[in-house]
Amino acid sequence: MTESEESIMTDNDIPFRRLLRQRIAEEARFDKPEDVVRHLGAVQAQDYHQAVWAIASRTNHARLADVERAIEERRIVLSWPMRGTIHAVPAEGLRSMLRLLAPRRLAQDKRRMEQLELSEAIVERCSRLVQDALGGGKRIARDDLMRSFEEAGIGTAGQRGYHLIWRLAQAGILCIGPREGKQQTFVLADEWLPPEESEPAKEEALARLAIRYFEGHGPATDRDFAWWTGLTLTEARQTVEAARDRLIPNKQGSREFWETAEPASAGQAGAKEKLEDFVYLLAGFDEYLLGYADRSDVLPEAVFPYVVPGNNGVFMPLVVIGGRIAGLWKRKPKARSIDFEFRLAGPAEPYRDRLLREAERYCAFHGLALGQAEFRSLEGTR
């Protein structure tokens, strides 16, 4: 496609298309949790309870048990494939993502290893301990894994234990298994993941990753792709260029965006004029926000301080109205129901019924009834 054939996007085009591409819009949703993860490529998952809702909110009727069954049955796996952060990824794609993205993270890790007084020899000792403990399909809870390191004379205090687990995950030795109660477990990656298919050359593997990203997150820029993967901007631009014949460019002002040619949802194609009616309750750390380096297209500047209170890297659950983040929501679980608190930047009354419908959907996800709902102004609630 030549530059003259590039389409020009309006301000509303970006949030509207992302709602479709990310399968948040109702008619674009999937039936199975694993299809969500496969479509997006990865779902940020350092907060487990937020992550399972991030996945289920993009399905028609998935319940918590459905998402956890997909993890138990190895259709979705959790690990640290990029940016040093836990993500839910397709089980068949984890090895490839680690091969492509882990080397840069490990190259940057030397200083942190020195700070924690760790060495490659210690990592190798932990690798042998893990393989001995987990061989034969076993699982081990996080606390028990830490205890096994301590018993072998390897200290885990002061982030040492977490960092050792992260290093073993980067090396493809272990990944996160299903939860046992509230405990995170770990399993051997080689035993847990499906048999690996032949891997294409690195350039083609990166190009396929770019296509997956833009299919699930477009319209997005090469900077967004660099942020999402942890690649350098130069590497990201080279990758986008390699995939250019399978991507569609769009312009907004001086910015160039990319999408795949596959339509996100034909059923929603004529609904942009009703964008202001779209109301969704998204998870904290949701890909709709964190999947991009530039979040200004969906996050108003005045709302940002409330979404990340204290600017400490913790992202609150999001109320999205008209494709833009308009406030926050908080759940208050009870024995048989869930109460909600909505905090909006603007008046709540026009959206009250739609917010309550979304709250009911979240309650159904947990198999509970909708309790009381409180509506407050966002201002002054930090």
Protein backbone atom coordinates (compact mmCIF):
# COMPACT_ATOMS: atom_id res chain seq x y z
CA MET A 1 0.00 0.00 0.00
CA THR A 2 1.42 3.36 -0.98
CA GLU A 3 1.45 6.45 1.23
CA SER A 4 -1.33 7.99 -0.84
CA GLU A 5 -3.49 4.93 -0.11
CA GLU A 6 -3.10 5.24 3.65
CA SER A 7 -6.35 6.04 5.42
CA ILE A 8 -6.66 9.03 7.74
CA MET A 9 -8.13 8.32 11.17
CA THR A 10 -10.20 10.67 13.31
CA ASP A 11 -9.88 10.96 17.10
CA ASN A 12 -12.74 8.47 17.59
CA ASP A 13 -11.33 5.90 15.17
CA ILE A 14 -8.54 4.71 17.47
CA PRO A 15 -10.61 3.83 20.56
CA PHE A 16 -13.43 2.43 18.41
CA ARG A 17 -11.12 0.14 16.44
CA ARG A 18 -9.28 -0.95 19.56
CA LEU A 19 -12.52 -1.95 21.26
CA LEU A 20 -13.14 -4.18 18.27
CA ARG A 21 -9.60 -5.46 17.79
CA GLN A 22 -9.22 -6.26 21.48
CA ARG A 23 -12.59 -8.06 21.39
CA ILE A 24 -14.01 -5.91 24.17
CA ALA A 25 -17.02 -4.85 22.09
CA GLU A 26 -19.90 -7.25 22.66
CA GLU A 27 -20.29 -8.62 19.13
CA ALA A 28 -16.54 -9.17 18.79
CA ARG A 29 -16.11 -11.44 21.82
CA PHE A 30 -14.87 -15.01 21.82
CA ASP A 31 -16.44 -18.12 23.33
CA LYS A 32 -13.27 -19.65 24.80
CA PRO A 33 -10.74 -18.03 27.16
CA GLU A 34 -7.78 -19.48 25.27
CA ASP A 35 -8.97 -17.80 22.06
CA VAL A 36 -8.72 -14.42 23.80
CA VAL A 37 -5.14 -15.05 24.84
CA ARG A 38 -4.17 -16.42 21.44
CA HIS A 39 -5.70 -13.41 19.70
CA LEU A 40 -4.00 -10.81 21.91
CA GLY A 41 -0.72 -12.72 22.00
CA ALA A 42 -0.27 -12.03 25.72
CA VAL A 43 -2.36 -10.64 28.58
CA GLN A 44 -0.60 -8.88 31.45
CA ALA A 45 -1.16 -11.01 34.53
CA GLN A 46 0.90 -9.98 37.54
CA ASP A 47 -2.40 -9.52 39.40
CA TYR A 48 -4.07 -12.91 39.01
CA HIS A 49 -7.60 -11.82 39.90
CA GLN A 50 -7.46 -8.93 37.47
CA ALA A 51 -5.95 -11.11 34.73
CA VAL A 52 -8.67 -13.76 34.78
CA TRP A 53 -11.30 -11.01 34.40
CA ALA A 54 -9.29 -9.35 31.62
CA ILE A 55 -9.57 -12.64 29.75
CA ALA A 56 -13.19 -13.42 30.60
CA SER A 57 -14.40 -9.87 29.84
CA ARG A 58 -13.54 -10.57 26.19
CA THR A 59 -15.70 -13.70 26.08
CA ASN A 60 -19.44 -14.14 25.78
CA HIS A 61 -20.14 -16.11 28.94
CA ALA A 62 -16.90 -17.47 30.44
CA ARG A 63 -16.88 -17.94 34.19
CA LEU A 64 -13.90 -17.97 36.54
CA ALA A 65 -13.94 -21.78 36.48
CA ASP A 66 -13.69 -21.71 32.66
CA VAL A 67 -10.56 -19.55 32.71
CA GLU A 68 -8.96 -21.61 35.45
CA ARG A 69 -9.81 -24.82 33.59
CA ALA A 70 -8.02 -23.46 30.53
CA ILE A 71 -4.96 -22.93 32.73
CA GLU A 72 -5.30 -26.35 34.36
CA GLU A 73 -5.64 -28.01 30.95
CA ARG A 74 -2.54 -26.21 29.63
CA ARG A 75 -4.33 -24.14 27.00
CA ILE A 76 -3.20 -20.94 28.74
CA VAL A 77 0.08 -20.65 30.59
CA LEU A 78 1.49 -17.93 32.83
CA SER A 79 5.13 -16.92 32.75
CA TRP A 80 7.47 -13.94 32.25
CA PRO A 81 7.82 -13.82 28.44
CA MET A 82 8.49 -10.07 28.18
CA ARG A 83 9.15 -6.86 30.11
CA GLY A 84 9.95 -8.81 33.28
CA THR A 85 6.23 -9.06 34.01
CA ILE A 86 3.91 -12.06 34.30
CA HIS A 87 1.68 -12.56 31.26
CA ALA A 88 -0.88 -15.15 30.25
CA VAL A 89 0.12 -16.52 26.85
CA PRO A 90 -0.92 -19.38 24.55
CA ALA A 91 0.83 -22.49 25.78
CA GLU A 92 2.09 -23.28 22.29
CA GLY A 93 3.68 -19.82 21.96
CA LEU A 94 5.70 -19.46 25.17
CA ARG A 95 8.95 -21.06 24.01
CA SER A 96 9.06 -18.89 20.89
CA MET A 97 8.42 -15.69 22.86
CA LEU A 98 11.20 -16.54 25.29
CA ARG A 99 13.65 -17.25 22.47
CA LEU A 100 12.83 -13.92 20.84
CA LEU A 101 12.55 -11.66 23.87
CA ALA A 102 14.44 -13.15 26.82
CA PRO A 103 18.02 -12.59 25.56
CA ARG A 104 17.75 -8.81 25.79
CA ARG A 105 16.28 -8.97 29.29
CA LEU A 106 19.00 -11.34 30.45
CA ALA A 107 21.69 -9.12 28.95
CA GLN A 108 20.32 -6.24 31.04
CA ASP A 109 20.25 -8.35 34.20
CA LYS A 110 23.95 -8.33 35.12
CA ARG A 111 23.73 -5.30 37.40
CA ARG A 112 20.68 -6.66 39.23
CA MET A 113 22.41 -10.00 39.75
CA GLU A 114 25.36 -8.20 41.30
CA GLN A 115 23.08 -6.18 43.59
CA LEU A 116 21.42 -9.38 44.84
CA GLU A 117 24.79 -11.16 45.15
CA LEU A 118 23.68 -13.86 42.74
CA SER A 119 25.74 -15.66 40.12
CA GLU A 120 25.19 -17.94 37.14
CA ALA A 121 26.49 -20.79 39.29
CA ILE A 122 23.72 -20.17 41.83
CA VAL A 123 21.13 -20.04 39.05
CA GLU A 124 22.43 -23.36 37.73
CA ARG A 125 22.21 -24.94 41.20
CA CYS A 126 18.60 -23.76 41.48
CA SER A 127 17.86 -25.17 38.04
CA ARG A 128 19.03 -28.62 39.16
CA LEU A 129 17.01 -28.35 42.37
CA VAL A 130 13.88 -27.42 40.43
CA GLN A 131 14.28 -30.20 37.90
CA ASP A 132 14.79 -32.77 40.65
CA ALA A 133 11.79 -31.50 42.63
CA LEU A 134 9.36 -31.18 39.71
CA GLY A 135 10.35 -34.04 37.39
CA GLY A 136 7.57 -36.47 36.60
CA GLY A 137 4.75 -33.94 36.37
CA LYS A 138 4.95 -32.59 39.91
CA ARG A 139 3.95 -29.11 41.02
CA ILE A 140 5.43 -27.07 43.82
CA ALA A 141 3.94 -24.10 45.65
CA ARG A 142 5.93 -20.90 45.72
CA ASP A 143 6.59 -21.06 49.48
CA ASP A 144 7.80 -24.65 49.19
CA LEU A 145 10.07 -23.76 46.30
CA MET A 146 11.61 -20.95 48.32
CA ARG A 147 12.07 -23.32 51.25
CA SER A 148 13.90 -25.82 49.04
CA PHE A 149 16.33 -23.09 47.96
CA GLU A 150 16.92 -22.10 51.60
CA GLU A 151 17.53 -25.70 52.63
CA ALA A 152 20.16 -25.93 49.92
CA GLY A 153 21.93 -22.91 51.40
CA ILE A 154 20.65 -20.42 48.83
CA GLY A 155 19.18 -17.33 50.50
CA THR A 156 15.88 -16.00 49.13
CA ALA A 157 15.42 -12.82 51.18
CA GLY A 158 15.37 -9.33 49.67
CA GLN A 159 13.96 -10.31 46.26
CA ARG A 160 16.63 -12.97 45.71
CA GLY A 161 14.11 -15.80 45.60
CA TYR A 162 11.78 -14.02 43.20
CA HIS A 163 14.68 -13.13 40.94
CA LEU A 164 15.90 -16.71 40.84
CA ILE A 165 12.43 -17.89 39.82
CA TRP A 166 12.32 -15.22 37.13
CA ARG A 167 15.72 -16.29 35.79
CA LEU A 168 14.62 -19.93 35.62
CA ALA A 169 11.48 -18.89 33.77
CA GLN A 170 13.51 -16.82 31.31
CA ALA A 171 15.67 -19.87 30.65
CA GLY A 172 12.57 -21.94 29.92
CA ILE A 173 13.14 -24.22 32.92
CA LEU A 174 9.89 -23.53 34.75
CA CYS A 175 6.60 -21.72 34.28
CA ILE A 176 3.64 -20.97 36.51
CA GLY A 177 1.17 -23.81 36.99
CA PRO A 178 -2.45 -23.80 38.22
CA ARG A 179 -3.16 -22.27 41.59
CA GLU A 180 -3.74 -24.51 44.58
CA GLY A 181 -6.08 -22.52 46.77
CA LYS A 182 -4.43 -19.11 46.96
CA GLN A 183 -0.96 -20.50 46.33
CA GLN A 184 0.94 -19.96 43.09
CA THR A 185 2.53 -23.19 41.85
CA PHE A 186 5.36 -23.91 39.45
CA VAL A 187 5.88 -26.70 36.93
CA LEU A 188 8.65 -27.78 34.57
CA ALA A 189 8.14 -26.01 31.25
CA ASP A 190 9.35 -28.94 29.16
CA GLU A 191 6.80 -31.24 30.77
CA TRP A 192 3.96 -28.72 30.90
CA LEU A 193 4.06 -27.15 27.44
CA PRO A 194 2.84 -28.95 24.31
CA PRO A 195 5.37 -30.44 21.87
CA GLU A 196 7.09 -27.72 19.93
CA GLU A 197 6.56 -27.29 16.21
CA SER A 198 9.39 -26.24 13.92
CA GLU A 199 10.45 -22.66 14.58
CA PRO A 200 10.89 -20.26 11.63
CA ALA A 201 13.96 -18.07 11.31
CA LYS A 202 14.20 -15.28 13.88
CA GLU A 203 13.16 -12.53 11.46
CA GLU A 204 10.02 -14.40 10.43
CA ALA A 205 9.21 -15.35 14.02
CA LEU A 206 9.43 -11.68 15.02
CA ALA A 207 7.29 -10.69 12.03
CA ARG A 208 4.62 -13.17 13.11
CA LEU A 209 4.74 -11.73 16.62
CA ALA A 210 4.22 -8.25 15.18
CA ILE A 211 1.24 -9.43 13.14
CA ARG A 212 -0.25 -11.02 16.25
CA TYR A 213 0.25 -7.79 18.18
CA PHE A 214 -1.32 -5.51 15.57
CA GLU A 215 -4.18 -7.93 14.96
CA GLY A 216 -5.07 -7.88 18.65
CA HIS A 217 -4.08 -4.31 19.54
CA GLY A 218 -4.31 -2.20 16.38
CA PRO A 219 -4.33 0.57 15.52
CA ALA A 220 -0.94 0.86 17.17
CA THR A 221 2.47 2.32 16.35
CA ASP A 222 5.92 0.80 16.10
CA ARG A 223 6.69 2.48 19.44
CA ASP A 224 3.72 0.68 20.98
CA PHE A 225 5.01 -2.62 19.62
CA ALA A 226 8.48 -1.88 21.01
CA TRP A 227 6.99 -1.17 24.44
CA TRP A 228 4.81 -4.28 24.43
CA THR A 229 7.63 -6.66 23.51
CA GLY A 230 10.54 -4.94 25.21
CA LEU A 231 12.41 -4.77 21.89
CA THR A 232 14.45 -1.70 21.05
CA LEU A 233 12.70 0.82 18.82
CA THR A 234 15.16 -0.02 16.04
CA GLU A 235 14.36 -3.74 16.32
CA ALA A 236 10.64 -3.01 16.42
CA ARG A 237 10.82 -0.84 13.30
CA GLN A 238 12.83 -3.47 11.44
CA THR A 239 10.26 -6.09 12.45
CA VAL A 240 7.32 -3.96 11.32
CA GLU A 241 9.09 -3.34 8.03
CA ALA A 242 9.57 -7.11 7.57
CA ALA A 243 5.84 -7.63 8.16
CA ARG A 244 4.75 -4.59 6.16
CA ASP A 245 3.15 -6.57 3.33
CA ARG A 246 0.80 -8.18 5.90
CA LEU A 247 -0.12 -4.94 7.69
CA ILE A 248 -2.31 -1.95 6.85
CA PRO A 249 -0.97 1.57 7.59
CA ASN A 250 -3.14 4.42 8.87
CA LYS A 251 -2.36 8.03 9.69
CA GLN A 252 -3.47 10.39 12.42
CA GLY A 253 -1.63 13.67 12.16
CA SER A 254 2.08 12.87 12.07
CA ARG A 255 1.66 9.44 13.64
CA GLU A 256 1.63 6.24 11.62
CA PHE A 257 -0.47 3.35 12.93
CA TRP A 258 -0.67 -0.28 11.86
CA GLU A 259 -3.41 -2.89 11.78
CA THR A 260 -3.93 -6.24 10.11
CA ALA A 261 -6.22 -6.56 7.14
CA GLU A 262 -8.52 -8.95 8.99
CA PRO A 263 -11.67 -7.03 10.05
CA ALA A 264 -12.19 -7.00 13.79
CA SER A 265 -15.95 -7.44 13.65
CA ALA A 266 -18.26 -6.90 10.73
CA GLY A 267 -21.23 -6.83 13.08
CA GLN A 268 -20.01 -3.64 14.76
CA ALA A 269 -18.79 -1.89 11.63
CA GLY A 270 -21.61 0.65 11.53
CA ALA A 271 -21.79 1.38 15.23
CA LYS A 272 -19.14 4.09 15.59
CA GLU A 273 -21.74 6.81 15.79
CA LYS A 274 -22.97 5.14 19.00
CA LEU A 275 -19.50 4.94 20.55
CA GLU A 276 -20.56 7.08 23.50
CA ASP A 277 -23.05 4.34 24.47
CA PHE A 278 -20.33 1.71 24.91
CA VAL A 279 -19.71 1.11 28.63
CA TYR A 280 -17.28 -1.54 29.94
CA LEU A 281 -15.71 -2.54 33.23
CA LEU A 282 -12.14 -3.54 32.45
CA ALA A 283 -9.53 -5.06 34.71
CA GLY A 284 -6.67 -3.28 36.35
CA PHE A 285 -3.55 -3.66 34.17
CA ASP A 286 -5.84 -4.33 31.18
CA GLU A 287 -4.24 -4.59 27.73
CA TYR A 288 -6.58 -1.84 26.55
CA LEU A 289 -4.36 0.55 28.47
CA LEU A 290 -1.08 -1.21 29.17
CA GLY A 291 -0.69 -2.69 25.70
CA TYR A 292 0.59 0.66 24.39
CA ALA A 293 3.45 3.05 25.04
CA ASP A 294 1.23 6.05 24.22
CA ARG A 295 -2.01 5.80 26.20
CA SER A 296 -3.30 9.30 25.48
CA ASP A 297 -5.77 8.10 22.83
CA VAL A 298 -7.90 6.39 25.49
CA LEU A 299 -6.74 7.92 28.79
CA PRO A 300 -7.54 11.60 29.40
CA GLU A 301 -4.76 13.47 31.15
CA ALA A 302 -7.07 14.52 34.00
CA VAL A 303 -7.99 10.88 34.74
CA PHE A 304 -4.46 9.46 34.70
CA PRO A 305 -3.54 10.31 38.34
CA TYR A 306 -6.55 8.33 39.56
CA VAL A 307 -5.80 5.31 37.37
CA VAL A 308 -2.25 5.09 38.74
CA PRO A 309 -2.53 6.60 42.24
CA GLY A 310 0.87 7.60 43.51
CA ASN A 311 2.32 6.84 40.05
CA ASN A 312 3.62 3.59 41.55
CA GLY A 313 2.94 1.20 38.70
CA VAL A 314 -0.30 -0.19 40.13
CA PHE A 315 -3.17 0.30 37.68
CA MET A 316 -6.72 0.36 39.00
CA PRO A 317 -9.76 -1.35 37.37
CA LEU A 318 -11.13 0.85 34.62
CA VAL A 319 -14.52 2.22 33.63
CA VAL A 320 -14.50 2.77 29.87
CA ILE A 321 -17.22 4.95 28.34
CA GLY A 322 -17.20 5.79 24.66
CA GLY A 323 -13.85 4.09 24.23
CA ARG A 324 -12.11 6.33 26.75
CA ILE A 325 -11.28 5.73 30.39
CA ALA A 326 -13.84 7.71 32.35
CA GLY A 327 -13.27 6.48 35.88
CA LEU A 328 -12.63 3.54 38.18
CA TRP A 329 -14.60 0.74 39.79
CA LYS A 330 -14.09 -1.26 42.93
CA ARG A 331 -15.67 -4.54 43.98
CA LYS A 332 -16.62 -5.44 47.55
CA PRO A 333 -17.29 -9.21 47.69
CA LYS A 334 -19.73 -10.62 50.21
CA ALA A 335 -20.82 -14.20 50.90
CA ARG A 336 -23.44 -14.31 48.11
CA SER A 337 -23.11 -11.01 46.30
CA ILE A 338 -20.71 -8.27 45.24
CA ASP A 339 -21.15 -4.57 46.02
CA PHE A 340 -19.69 -1.99 43.66
CA GLU A 341 -18.33 1.49 43.91
CA PHE A 342 -18.09 3.53 40.71
CA ARG A 343 -16.03 6.71 40.59
CA LEU A 344 -16.52 8.71 37.43
CA ALA A 345 -14.95 11.86 36.03
CA GLY A 346 -18.36 13.02 34.78
CA PRO A 347 -22.00 12.53 35.70
CA ALA A 348 -23.00 8.92 36.35
CA GLU A 349 -26.73 9.19 35.74
CA PRO A 350 -26.65 8.80 31.92
CA TYR A 351 -24.69 5.56 32.29
CA ARG A 352 -26.14 4.11 35.48
CA ASP A 353 -28.12 1.27 33.88
CA ARG A 354 -25.28 0.26 31.59
CA LEU A 355 -22.79 0.28 34.46
CA LEU A 356 -25.09 -1.97 36.45
CA ARG A 357 -25.42 -4.36 33.51
CA GLU A 358 -21.65 -4.58 33.31
CA ALA A 359 -21.50 -5.16 37.07
CA GLU A 360 -24.00 -8.00 36.67
CA ARG A 361 -21.76 -9.54 34.04
CA TYR A 362 -18.83 -9.41 36.44
CA CYS A 363 -20.96 -10.97 39.19
CA ALA A 364 -22.02 -13.77 36.84
CA PHE A 365 -18.34 -14.43 36.14
CA HIS A 366 -17.97 -15.20 39.86
CA GLY A 367 -21.34 -16.94 40.22
CA LEU A 368 -22.64 -14.28 42.63
CA ALA A 369 -25.51 -11.79 42.68
CA LEU A 370 -25.23 -8.05 42.24
CA GLY A 371 -25.38 -6.28 45.59
CA GLN A 372 -25.47 -2.57 46.23
CA ALA A 373 -23.90 0.03 43.95
CA GLU A 374 -22.52 3.40 44.94
CA PHE A 375 -21.79 6.19 42.45
CA ARG A 376 -19.21 8.84 43.35
CA SER A 377 -17.24 11.59 41.69
CA LEU A 378 -13.69 10.70 40.73
CA GLU A 379 -12.34 14.03 41.93
CA GLY A 380 -10.95 13.99 45.46
CA THR A 381 -11.04 10.19 45.87
CA ARG A 382 -7.33 9.41 45.59
